[in-house]
Amino acid sequence: GVDETTMLPIARQIAPDATLVAVRGRIPQEDGFRWFERINPTRFEQASIRTETSTFAAFASEAARRHRLDLARATFLGYSNGANLVSSLMVLDPGLVRKAALLRAMPVLDDMPSTDLGGTRVLIIAGAADETYGPIAPALVTLLTKRGAEVDARIVASGHDIGDPDAAIVRQWLAAPIAA
């Protein structure tokens, strides 16, 4: 999104009674902020990914400590660049994210560590008409699954934009019993 308020409406739709922590990326862009420096729409500066992911991991840990939040029970919700941050966080700082809903995500790391993601639940929602991220989203499903994550991959009839269908799927996924 553009800033830390972008995801609030859909997050409230998904979990109206949840405690929300909204965070802004630190990289200025033409219409707001991002999490990583972008080379082109599907390539990101690798050092930026690692630096910003590490910075976010420290922030999340400190915020959880300070506000007495249990990250083991938290759901990380990300859209586009924010979803890419969360997927990077899963593999670069294993154990911090145990549950994540990634909307319009793709793999961004050129060198993906062979992290053990056992015990991590991930929902990935791609847009059928998303010409940029849509064709690459299955690679992220494969990468996370090979590392042991329980991945539920869905496709909605939209482009890169998100909306009510995404919120309904995430709400349903959160309510579903955990697979044994």
N, C-alpha and C. Protein backbone atom coordinates (compact mmCIF):
# COMPACT_ATOMS: atom_id res chain seq x y z
N GLY A 1 0.80 -1.19 0.00
CA GLY A 1 0.00 0.00 0.00
C GLY A 1 0.85 1.25 0.00
N VAL A 2 0.22 2.36 0.18
CA VAL A 2 0.88 3.65 0.14
C VAL A 2 1.53 3.98 1.49
N ASP A 3 0.83 3.67 2.58
CA ASP A 3 1.37 3.93 3.91
C ASP A 3 0.74 2.96 4.90
N GLU A 4 0.96 3.22 6.18
CA GLU A 4 0.49 2.30 7.21
C GLU A 4 -1.03 2.22 7.35
N THR A 5 -1.76 3.14 6.74
CA THR A 5 -3.22 3.10 6.84
C THR A 5 -3.89 2.29 5.73
N THR A 6 -3.15 1.96 4.69
CA THR A 6 -3.72 1.29 3.52
C THR A 6 -4.42 -0.02 3.86
N MET A 7 -3.85 -0.82 4.72
CA MET A 7 -4.39 -2.14 5.03
C MET A 7 -5.44 -2.13 6.14
N LEU A 8 -5.62 -1.01 6.82
CA LEU A 8 -6.55 -0.99 7.95
C LEU A 8 -7.99 -1.36 7.57
N PRO A 9 -8.55 -0.82 6.49
CA PRO A 9 -9.94 -1.20 6.17
C PRO A 9 -10.13 -2.70 5.92
N ILE A 10 -9.24 -3.32 5.16
CA ILE A 10 -9.40 -4.75 4.90
C ILE A 10 -9.09 -5.57 6.15
N ALA A 11 -8.15 -5.12 6.96
CA ALA A 11 -7.84 -5.82 8.21
C ALA A 11 -9.05 -5.79 9.14
N ARG A 12 -9.74 -4.65 9.21
CA ARG A 12 -10.96 -4.55 10.03
C ARG A 12 -12.07 -5.45 9.48
N GLN A 13 -12.16 -5.56 8.16
CA GLN A 13 -13.13 -6.46 7.54
C GLN A 13 -12.83 -7.90 7.92
N ILE A 14 -11.58 -8.26 7.93
CA ILE A 14 -11.15 -9.63 8.21
C ILE A 14 -11.36 -9.98 9.68
N ALA A 15 -10.93 -9.11 10.56
CA ALA A 15 -10.97 -9.39 12.01
C ALA A 15 -11.33 -8.12 12.76
N PRO A 16 -12.62 -7.79 12.81
CA PRO A 16 -13.04 -6.51 13.40
C PRO A 16 -12.66 -6.31 14.86
N ASP A 17 -12.47 -7.39 15.60
CA ASP A 17 -12.15 -7.26 17.03
C ASP A 17 -10.67 -7.46 17.35
N ALA A 18 -9.86 -7.64 16.33
CA ALA A 18 -8.44 -7.91 16.55
C ALA A 18 -7.67 -6.63 16.90
N THR A 19 -6.58 -6.82 17.62
CA THR A 19 -5.63 -5.74 17.84
C THR A 19 -4.82 -5.60 16.57
N LEU A 20 -4.78 -4.42 15.99
CA LEU A 20 -4.05 -4.21 14.74
C LEU A 20 -2.81 -3.37 15.00
N VAL A 21 -1.74 -3.77 14.36
CA VAL A 21 -0.51 -3.00 14.38
C VAL A 21 -0.19 -2.71 12.92
N ALA A 22 -0.27 -1.45 12.54
CA ALA A 22 -0.03 -1.06 11.15
C ALA A 22 1.32 -0.36 11.06
N VAL A 23 2.10 -0.75 10.07
CA VAL A 23 3.47 -0.26 9.97
C VAL A 23 3.74 0.26 8.57
N ARG A 24 4.51 1.31 8.49
CA ARG A 24 4.89 1.93 7.21
C ARG A 24 6.29 1.49 6.81
N GLY A 25 6.47 1.17 5.53
CA GLY A 25 7.80 0.89 5.01
C GLY A 25 8.64 2.16 5.06
N ARG A 26 9.95 1.98 5.05
CA ARG A 26 10.86 3.13 5.20
C ARG A 26 11.39 3.67 3.87
N ILE A 27 11.08 3.02 2.76
CA ILE A 27 11.63 3.42 1.47
C ILE A 27 10.61 4.31 0.74
N PRO A 28 10.91 5.62 0.58
CA PRO A 28 9.95 6.49 -0.12
C PRO A 28 9.85 6.08 -1.59
N GLN A 29 8.64 6.17 -2.11
CA GLN A 29 8.41 5.92 -3.53
C GLN A 29 7.52 7.02 -4.07
N GLU A 30 7.21 6.94 -5.35
CA GLU A 30 6.48 8.04 -5.98
C GLU A 30 5.15 8.38 -5.29
N ASP A 31 4.39 7.41 -4.81
CA ASP A 31 3.09 7.72 -4.20
C ASP A 31 2.98 7.31 -2.74
N GLY A 32 4.08 6.98 -2.09
CA GLY A 32 4.03 6.57 -0.70
C GLY A 32 5.33 5.94 -0.26
N PHE A 33 5.21 4.78 0.37
CA PHE A 33 6.38 4.10 0.93
C PHE A 33 6.36 2.62 0.57
N ARG A 34 7.55 2.02 0.50
CA ARG A 34 7.69 0.59 0.23
C ARG A 34 8.58 -0.01 1.30
N TRP A 35 8.68 -1.34 1.22
CA TRP A 35 9.54 -2.05 2.16
C TRP A 35 10.94 -2.24 1.61
N PHE A 36 11.07 -2.34 0.27
CA PHE A 36 12.38 -2.58 -0.33
C PHE A 36 12.60 -1.64 -1.49
N GLU A 37 13.85 -1.39 -1.80
CA GLU A 37 14.19 -0.62 -3.00
C GLU A 37 13.90 -1.49 -4.21
N ARG A 38 13.19 -0.92 -5.16
CA ARG A 38 12.76 -1.66 -6.34
C ARG A 38 13.66 -1.35 -7.52
N ILE A 39 14.09 -2.38 -8.22
CA ILE A 39 14.86 -2.23 -9.45
C ILE A 39 13.89 -2.11 -10.63
N ASN A 40 12.88 -2.98 -10.64
CA ASN A 40 11.76 -2.92 -11.59
C ASN A 40 10.58 -3.57 -10.88
N PRO A 41 9.42 -3.68 -11.49
CA PRO A 41 8.26 -4.21 -10.75
C PRO A 41 8.43 -5.60 -10.13
N THR A 42 9.34 -6.41 -10.65
CA THR A 42 9.50 -7.75 -10.10
C THR A 42 10.92 -8.05 -9.60
N ARG A 43 11.76 -7.04 -9.51
CA ARG A 43 13.14 -7.21 -9.02
C ARG A 43 13.41 -6.16 -7.95
N PHE A 44 14.02 -6.62 -6.86
CA PHE A 44 14.28 -5.74 -5.73
C PHE A 44 15.75 -5.81 -5.34
N GLU A 45 16.26 -4.72 -4.81
CA GLU A 45 17.63 -4.65 -4.35
C GLU A 45 17.79 -5.63 -3.19
N GLN A 46 18.67 -6.61 -3.34
CA GLN A 46 18.81 -7.70 -2.36
C GLN A 46 19.32 -7.20 -1.00
N ALA A 47 20.25 -6.28 -0.98
CA ALA A 47 20.73 -5.74 0.29
C ALA A 47 19.61 -5.01 1.01
N SER A 48 18.77 -4.31 0.27
CA SER A 48 17.63 -3.60 0.85
C SER A 48 16.65 -4.60 1.49
N ILE A 49 16.40 -5.71 0.81
CA ILE A 49 15.49 -6.72 1.36
C ILE A 49 16.02 -7.21 2.71
N ARG A 50 17.28 -7.54 2.75
CA ARG A 50 17.86 -8.08 3.99
C ARG A 50 17.90 -7.05 5.11
N THR A 51 18.27 -5.81 4.78
CA THR A 51 18.33 -4.75 5.80
C THR A 51 16.94 -4.43 6.33
N GLU A 52 15.98 -4.22 5.44
CA GLU A 52 14.64 -3.84 5.87
C GLU A 52 13.93 -4.97 6.60
N THR A 53 14.17 -6.21 6.18
CA THR A 53 13.57 -7.35 6.86
C THR A 53 14.13 -7.48 8.28
N SER A 54 15.43 -7.31 8.43
CA SER A 54 16.05 -7.36 9.74
C SER A 54 15.53 -6.24 10.65
N THR A 55 15.40 -5.06 10.09
CA THR A 55 14.88 -3.91 10.85
C THR A 55 13.44 -4.17 11.29
N PHE A 56 12.63 -4.73 10.38
CA PHE A 56 11.24 -5.01 10.73
C PHE A 56 11.17 -6.11 11.80
N ALA A 57 12.01 -7.13 11.69
CA ALA A 57 12.02 -8.20 12.70
C ALA A 57 12.30 -7.63 14.09
N ALA A 58 13.27 -6.73 14.17
CA ALA A 58 13.59 -6.10 15.46
C ALA A 58 12.41 -5.27 15.96
N PHE A 59 11.78 -4.52 15.04
CA PHE A 59 10.61 -3.72 15.42
C PHE A 59 9.49 -4.62 15.94
N ALA A 60 9.18 -5.70 15.20
CA ALA A 60 8.07 -6.58 15.59
C ALA A 60 8.33 -7.21 16.95
N SER A 61 9.54 -7.65 17.17
CA SER A 61 9.89 -8.26 18.46
C SER A 61 9.76 -7.25 19.60
N GLU A 62 10.26 -6.05 19.38
CA GLU A 62 10.18 -5.02 20.42
C GLU A 62 8.73 -4.57 20.65
N ALA A 63 7.97 -4.39 19.59
CA ALA A 63 6.56 -4.01 19.74
C ALA A 63 5.78 -5.09 20.50
N ALA A 64 6.05 -6.35 20.19
CA ALA A 64 5.37 -7.44 20.88
C ALA A 64 5.73 -7.44 22.37
N ARG A 65 6.99 -7.23 22.66
CA ARG A 65 7.42 -7.19 24.06
C ARG A 65 6.78 -6.01 24.79
N ARG A 66 6.89 -4.84 24.18
CA ARG A 66 6.40 -3.62 24.82
C ARG A 66 4.89 -3.63 25.04
N HIS A 67 4.15 -4.18 24.08
CA HIS A 67 2.68 -4.14 24.16
C HIS A 67 2.07 -5.48 24.58
N ARG A 68 2.95 -6.39 24.99
CA ARG A 68 2.51 -7.72 25.47
C ARG A 68 1.66 -8.44 24.42
N LEU A 69 2.16 -8.49 23.21
CA LEU A 69 1.49 -9.20 22.12
C LEU A 69 2.18 -10.55 21.93
N ASP A 70 1.41 -11.57 21.69
CA ASP A 70 1.94 -12.91 21.50
C ASP A 70 2.08 -13.17 19.99
N LEU A 71 3.31 -13.06 19.49
CA LEU A 71 3.53 -13.25 18.04
C LEU A 71 3.18 -14.65 17.58
N ALA A 72 3.20 -15.63 18.48
CA ALA A 72 2.82 -16.99 18.11
C ALA A 72 1.34 -17.07 17.74
N ARG A 73 0.55 -16.12 18.22
CA ARG A 73 -0.89 -16.08 17.91
C ARG A 73 -1.22 -15.02 16.87
N ALA A 74 -0.24 -14.25 16.46
CA ALA A 74 -0.47 -13.14 15.51
C ALA A 74 -0.60 -13.66 14.08
N THR A 75 -1.37 -12.93 13.30
CA THR A 75 -1.44 -13.17 11.87
C THR A 75 -0.84 -11.95 11.18
N PHE A 76 0.18 -12.18 10.39
CA PHE A 76 0.80 -11.11 9.62
C PHE A 76 0.05 -11.02 8.30
N LEU A 77 -0.48 -9.85 8.00
CA LEU A 77 -1.23 -9.60 6.78
C LEU A 77 -0.44 -8.63 5.92
N GLY A 78 -0.12 -9.03 4.69
CA GLY A 78 0.64 -8.16 3.81
C GLY A 78 0.05 -8.14 2.42
N TYR A 79 0.19 -7.00 1.77
CA TYR A 79 -0.29 -6.83 0.41
C TYR A 79 0.86 -6.36 -0.47
N SER A 80 1.10 -7.06 -1.57
CA SER A 80 2.11 -6.70 -2.55
C SER A 80 3.48 -6.60 -1.88
N ASN A 81 4.07 -5.42 -1.85
CA ASN A 81 5.39 -5.25 -1.26
C ASN A 81 5.39 -5.65 0.21
N GLY A 82 4.30 -5.39 0.92
CA GLY A 82 4.18 -5.80 2.33
C GLY A 82 4.11 -7.31 2.47
N ALA A 83 3.44 -7.99 1.53
CA ALA A 83 3.39 -9.45 1.54
C ALA A 83 4.79 -10.01 1.26
N ASN A 84 5.52 -9.34 0.39
CA ASN A 84 6.89 -9.76 0.10
C ASN A 84 7.78 -9.61 1.33
N LEU A 85 7.55 -8.55 2.11
CA LEU A 85 8.28 -8.37 3.37
C LEU A 85 8.00 -9.55 4.30
N VAL A 86 6.72 -9.90 4.45
CA VAL A 86 6.36 -10.98 5.37
C VAL A 86 6.97 -12.31 4.92
N SER A 87 6.94 -12.60 3.62
CA SER A 87 7.53 -13.86 3.16
C SER A 87 9.04 -13.86 3.40
N SER A 88 9.69 -12.72 3.21
CA SER A 88 11.13 -12.62 3.49
C SER A 88 11.39 -12.79 4.98
N LEU A 89 10.53 -12.22 5.81
CA LEU A 89 10.65 -12.34 7.25
C LEU A 89 10.56 -13.80 7.69
N MET A 90 9.68 -14.57 7.05
CA MET A 90 9.54 -15.98 7.40
C MET A 90 10.83 -16.75 7.19
N VAL A 91 11.51 -16.49 6.08
CA VAL A 91 12.71 -17.29 5.78
C VAL A 91 14.00 -16.69 6.35
N LEU A 92 14.04 -15.38 6.57
CA LEU A 92 15.26 -14.77 7.09
C LEU A 92 15.28 -14.70 8.62
N ASP A 93 14.11 -14.75 9.25
CA ASP A 93 14.03 -14.73 10.71
C ASP A 93 13.04 -15.82 11.14
N PRO A 94 13.41 -17.09 10.95
CA PRO A 94 12.48 -18.19 11.19
C PRO A 94 11.92 -18.20 12.61
N GLY A 95 10.62 -18.51 12.68
CA GLY A 95 9.94 -18.61 13.96
C GLY A 95 9.23 -17.34 14.37
N LEU A 96 9.59 -16.21 13.80
CA LEU A 96 8.92 -14.96 14.16
C LEU A 96 7.49 -14.95 13.64
N VAL A 97 7.29 -15.37 12.39
CA VAL A 97 5.96 -15.43 11.77
C VAL A 97 5.51 -16.88 11.79
N ARG A 98 4.38 -17.14 12.43
CA ARG A 98 3.81 -18.49 12.47
C ARG A 98 2.56 -18.59 11.62
N LYS A 99 1.96 -17.42 11.31
CA LYS A 99 0.74 -17.41 10.50
C LYS A 99 0.75 -16.13 9.67
N ALA A 100 0.54 -16.29 8.36
CA ALA A 100 0.60 -15.13 7.47
C ALA A 100 -0.41 -15.26 6.34
N ALA A 101 -1.03 -14.14 6.01
CA ALA A 101 -1.91 -14.04 4.84
C ALA A 101 -1.23 -13.07 3.88
N LEU A 102 -0.83 -13.58 2.73
CA LEU A 102 -0.07 -12.81 1.76
C LEU A 102 -0.92 -12.55 0.52
N LEU A 103 -1.24 -11.29 0.28
CA LEU A 103 -2.07 -10.91 -0.85
C LEU A 103 -1.19 -10.33 -1.94
N ARG A 104 -1.23 -10.95 -3.12
CA ARG A 104 -0.47 -10.52 -4.31
C ARG A 104 1.04 -10.55 -4.03
N ALA A 105 1.51 -11.67 -3.55
CA ALA A 105 2.93 -11.84 -3.20
C ALA A 105 3.69 -12.58 -4.29
N MET A 106 5.00 -12.46 -4.21
CA MET A 106 5.90 -13.18 -5.11
C MET A 106 7.21 -13.38 -4.38
N PRO A 107 8.05 -14.34 -4.81
CA PRO A 107 9.36 -14.47 -4.17
C PRO A 107 10.25 -13.30 -4.58
N VAL A 108 10.98 -12.75 -3.62
CA VAL A 108 11.84 -11.60 -3.92
C VAL A 108 13.32 -11.86 -3.66
N LEU A 109 13.63 -12.87 -2.89
CA LEU A 109 15.03 -13.17 -2.58
C LEU A 109 15.67 -13.99 -3.70
N ASP A 110 16.82 -13.54 -4.18
CA ASP A 110 17.54 -14.31 -5.20
C ASP A 110 18.15 -15.58 -4.59
N ASP A 111 18.57 -15.47 -3.35
CA ASP A 111 19.18 -16.59 -2.65
C ASP A 111 18.30 -16.92 -1.45
N MET A 112 17.38 -17.86 -1.63
CA MET A 112 16.41 -18.21 -0.60
C MET A 112 17.03 -19.23 0.36
N PRO A 113 17.19 -18.88 1.64
CA PRO A 113 17.75 -19.83 2.60
C PRO A 113 16.87 -21.08 2.71
N SER A 114 17.46 -22.18 3.11
CA SER A 114 16.70 -23.43 3.26
C SER A 114 16.14 -23.53 4.68
N THR A 115 15.42 -22.50 5.07
CA THR A 115 14.83 -22.39 6.40
C THR A 115 13.75 -23.45 6.61
N ASP A 116 13.65 -23.98 7.83
CA ASP A 116 12.58 -24.91 8.19
C ASP A 116 11.37 -24.09 8.62
N LEU A 117 10.30 -24.18 7.83
CA LEU A 117 9.08 -23.44 8.13
C LEU A 117 7.98 -24.34 8.68
N GLY A 118 8.37 -25.50 9.20
CA GLY A 118 7.40 -26.38 9.83
C GLY A 118 6.66 -25.63 10.94
N GLY A 119 5.36 -25.83 11.03
CA GLY A 119 4.55 -25.14 12.03
C GLY A 119 4.10 -23.75 11.60
N THR A 120 4.39 -23.37 10.36
CA THR A 120 3.98 -22.05 9.84
C THR A 120 2.83 -22.23 8.86
N ARG A 121 1.75 -21.51 9.10
CA ARG A 121 0.58 -21.54 8.19
C ARG A 121 0.62 -20.29 7.32
N VAL A 122 0.42 -20.49 6.01
CA VAL A 122 0.47 -19.37 5.08
C VAL A 122 -0.70 -19.47 4.10
N LEU A 123 -1.37 -18.35 3.92
CA LEU A 123 -2.39 -18.20 2.89
C LEU A 123 -1.83 -17.26 1.85
N ILE A 124 -1.83 -17.69 0.59
CA ILE A 124 -1.37 -16.84 -0.50
C ILE A 124 -2.54 -16.66 -1.46
N ILE A 125 -2.91 -15.41 -1.70
CA ILE A 125 -4.00 -15.11 -2.63
C ILE A 125 -3.43 -14.31 -3.80
N ALA A 126 -3.54 -14.88 -4.98
CA ALA A 126 -3.08 -14.23 -6.21
C ALA A 126 -4.29 -13.75 -7.00
N GLY A 127 -4.08 -12.74 -7.83
CA GLY A 127 -5.12 -12.23 -8.71
C GLY A 127 -5.01 -12.89 -10.08
N ALA A 128 -6.10 -13.44 -10.57
CA ALA A 128 -6.09 -14.13 -11.87
C ALA A 128 -5.64 -13.20 -13.00
N ALA A 129 -5.99 -11.92 -12.88
CA ALA A 129 -5.64 -10.96 -13.94
C ALA A 129 -4.44 -10.09 -13.55
N ASP A 130 -3.70 -10.48 -12.52
CA ASP A 130 -2.52 -9.73 -12.10
C ASP A 130 -1.37 -10.14 -13.02
N GLU A 131 -1.13 -9.34 -14.03
CA GLU A 131 -0.14 -9.69 -15.04
C GLU A 131 1.30 -9.58 -14.54
N THR A 132 1.51 -8.85 -13.46
CA THR A 132 2.87 -8.68 -12.94
C THR A 132 3.22 -9.77 -11.93
N TYR A 133 2.47 -9.87 -10.83
CA TYR A 133 2.80 -10.83 -9.77
C TYR A 133 2.13 -12.19 -9.98
N GLY A 134 0.97 -12.23 -10.61
CA GLY A 134 0.22 -13.47 -10.78
C GLY A 134 1.03 -14.63 -11.33
N PRO A 135 1.76 -14.44 -12.43
CA PRO A 135 2.53 -15.55 -12.99
C PRO A 135 3.67 -16.03 -12.09
N ILE A 136 4.12 -15.20 -11.15
CA ILE A 136 5.25 -15.54 -10.29
C ILE A 136 4.79 -16.11 -8.95
N ALA A 137 3.55 -15.88 -8.57
CA ALA A 137 3.04 -16.32 -7.27
C ALA A 137 3.20 -17.83 -7.03
N PRO A 138 2.98 -18.69 -8.03
CA PRO A 138 3.16 -20.13 -7.78
C PRO A 138 4.57 -20.49 -7.32
N ALA A 139 5.57 -19.75 -7.74
CA ALA A 139 6.94 -20.03 -7.30
C ALA A 139 7.08 -19.82 -5.79
N LEU A 140 6.37 -18.83 -5.25
CA LEU A 140 6.41 -18.60 -3.80
C LEU A 140 5.72 -19.74 -3.07
N VAL A 141 4.61 -20.21 -3.61
CA VAL A 141 3.91 -21.36 -3.02
C VAL A 141 4.87 -22.55 -2.93
N THR A 142 5.55 -22.82 -4.02
CA THR A 142 6.50 -23.94 -4.06
C THR A 142 7.63 -23.75 -3.07
N LEU A 143 8.23 -22.56 -3.03
CA LEU A 143 9.35 -22.30 -2.12
C LEU A 143 8.95 -22.50 -0.66
N LEU A 144 7.80 -21.97 -0.27
CA LEU A 144 7.38 -22.08 1.13
C LEU A 144 6.97 -23.51 1.48
N THR A 145 6.31 -24.18 0.55
CA THR A 145 5.90 -25.57 0.78
C THR A 145 7.12 -26.47 0.93
N LYS A 146 8.11 -26.29 0.08
CA LYS A 146 9.34 -27.10 0.16
C LYS A 146 10.07 -26.90 1.48
N ARG A 147 9.84 -25.77 2.12
CA ARG A 147 10.48 -25.50 3.41
C ARG A 147 9.62 -25.91 4.59
N GLY A 148 8.50 -26.60 4.31
CA GLY A 148 7.69 -27.17 5.37
C GLY A 148 6.49 -26.37 5.81
N ALA A 149 6.24 -25.22 5.21
CA ALA A 149 5.07 -24.42 5.59
C ALA A 149 3.80 -25.10 5.09
N GLU A 150 2.73 -24.93 5.85
CA GLU A 150 1.41 -25.38 5.41
C GLU A 150 0.83 -24.23 4.58
N VAL A 151 0.79 -24.39 3.27
CA VAL A 151 0.40 -23.30 2.38
C VAL A 151 -0.96 -23.59 1.75
N ASP A 152 -1.83 -22.61 1.84
CA ASP A 152 -3.14 -22.64 1.17
C ASP A 152 -3.08 -21.55 0.11
N ALA A 153 -3.08 -21.94 -1.16
CA ALA A 153 -2.98 -20.98 -2.26
C ALA A 153 -4.33 -20.83 -2.94
N ARG A 154 -4.74 -19.59 -3.15
CA ARG A 154 -6.02 -19.29 -3.79
C ARG A 154 -5.82 -18.27 -4.89
N ILE A 155 -6.76 -18.25 -5.81
CA ILE A 155 -6.76 -17.26 -6.89
C ILE A 155 -8.12 -16.61 -6.91
N VAL A 156 -8.13 -15.27 -6.97
CA VAL A 156 -9.38 -14.52 -7.07
C VAL A 156 -9.46 -13.85 -8.43
N ALA A 157 -10.67 -13.54 -8.83
CA ALA A 157 -10.90 -12.93 -10.15
C ALA A 157 -10.68 -11.43 -10.07
N SER A 158 -9.41 -11.04 -9.97
CA SER A 158 -9.07 -9.62 -9.96
C SER A 158 -7.66 -9.48 -10.48
N GLY A 159 -7.20 -8.25 -10.51
CA GLY A 159 -5.83 -7.99 -10.91
C GLY A 159 -4.97 -7.88 -9.67
N HIS A 160 -4.15 -6.83 -9.62
CA HIS A 160 -3.26 -6.63 -8.48
C HIS A 160 -4.01 -5.97 -7.32
N ASP A 161 -5.19 -5.43 -7.57
CA ASP A 161 -5.96 -4.79 -6.51
C ASP A 161 -6.55 -5.83 -5.57
N ILE A 162 -6.87 -5.40 -4.34
CA ILE A 162 -7.46 -6.29 -3.34
C ILE A 162 -8.81 -5.74 -2.92
N GLY A 163 -9.64 -6.61 -2.34
CA GLY A 163 -10.96 -6.15 -1.92
C GLY A 163 -11.74 -7.20 -1.16
N ASP A 164 -13.06 -7.11 -1.26
CA ASP A 164 -13.96 -7.97 -0.50
C ASP A 164 -13.69 -9.47 -0.68
N PRO A 165 -13.44 -9.96 -1.90
CA PRO A 165 -13.17 -11.39 -2.03
C PRO A 165 -11.93 -11.83 -1.22
N ASP A 166 -10.90 -11.01 -1.20
CA ASP A 166 -9.72 -11.32 -0.40
C ASP A 166 -10.07 -11.38 1.08
N ALA A 167 -10.81 -10.38 1.55
CA ALA A 167 -11.19 -10.33 2.97
C ALA A 167 -11.99 -11.56 3.35
N ALA A 168 -12.92 -11.98 2.50
CA ALA A 168 -13.75 -13.16 2.79
C ALA A 168 -12.89 -14.42 2.88
N ILE A 169 -11.94 -14.57 1.97
CA ILE A 169 -11.07 -15.76 1.98
C ILE A 169 -10.20 -15.77 3.23
N VAL A 170 -9.61 -14.64 3.57
CA VAL A 170 -8.75 -14.59 4.77
C VAL A 170 -9.57 -14.87 6.02
N ARG A 171 -10.75 -14.29 6.10
CA ARG A 171 -11.63 -14.52 7.26
C ARG A 171 -11.95 -16.02 7.40
N GLN A 172 -12.30 -16.66 6.28
CA GLN A 172 -12.61 -18.10 6.27
C GLN A 172 -11.37 -18.91 6.67
N TRP A 173 -10.22 -18.55 6.14
CA TRP A 173 -8.97 -19.27 6.45
C TRP A 173 -8.64 -19.16 7.93
N LEU A 174 -8.80 -17.98 8.51
CA LEU A 174 -8.51 -17.81 9.93
C LEU A 174 -9.46 -18.62 10.80
N ALA A 175 -10.70 -18.78 10.36
CA ALA A 175 -11.70 -19.51 11.14
C ALA A 175 -11.57 -21.01 11.01
N ALA A 176 -10.89 -21.49 9.98
CA ALA A 176 -10.77 -22.92 9.72
C ALA A 176 -9.90 -23.58 10.78
N PRO A 177 -10.24 -24.83 11.13
CA PRO A 177 -9.38 -25.54 12.08
C PRO A 177 -8.01 -25.80 11.46
N ILE A 178 -7.00 -25.83 12.31
CA ILE A 178 -5.64 -26.09 11.88
C ILE A 178 -5.51 -27.56 11.49
N ALA A 179 -4.89 -27.80 10.33
CA ALA A 179 -4.68 -29.18 9.87
C ALA A 179 -3.73 -29.90 10.81
N ALA A 180 -4.01 -31.15 11.03
CA ALA A 180 -3.15 -31.94 11.94
C ALA A 180 -2.03 -32.60 11.18
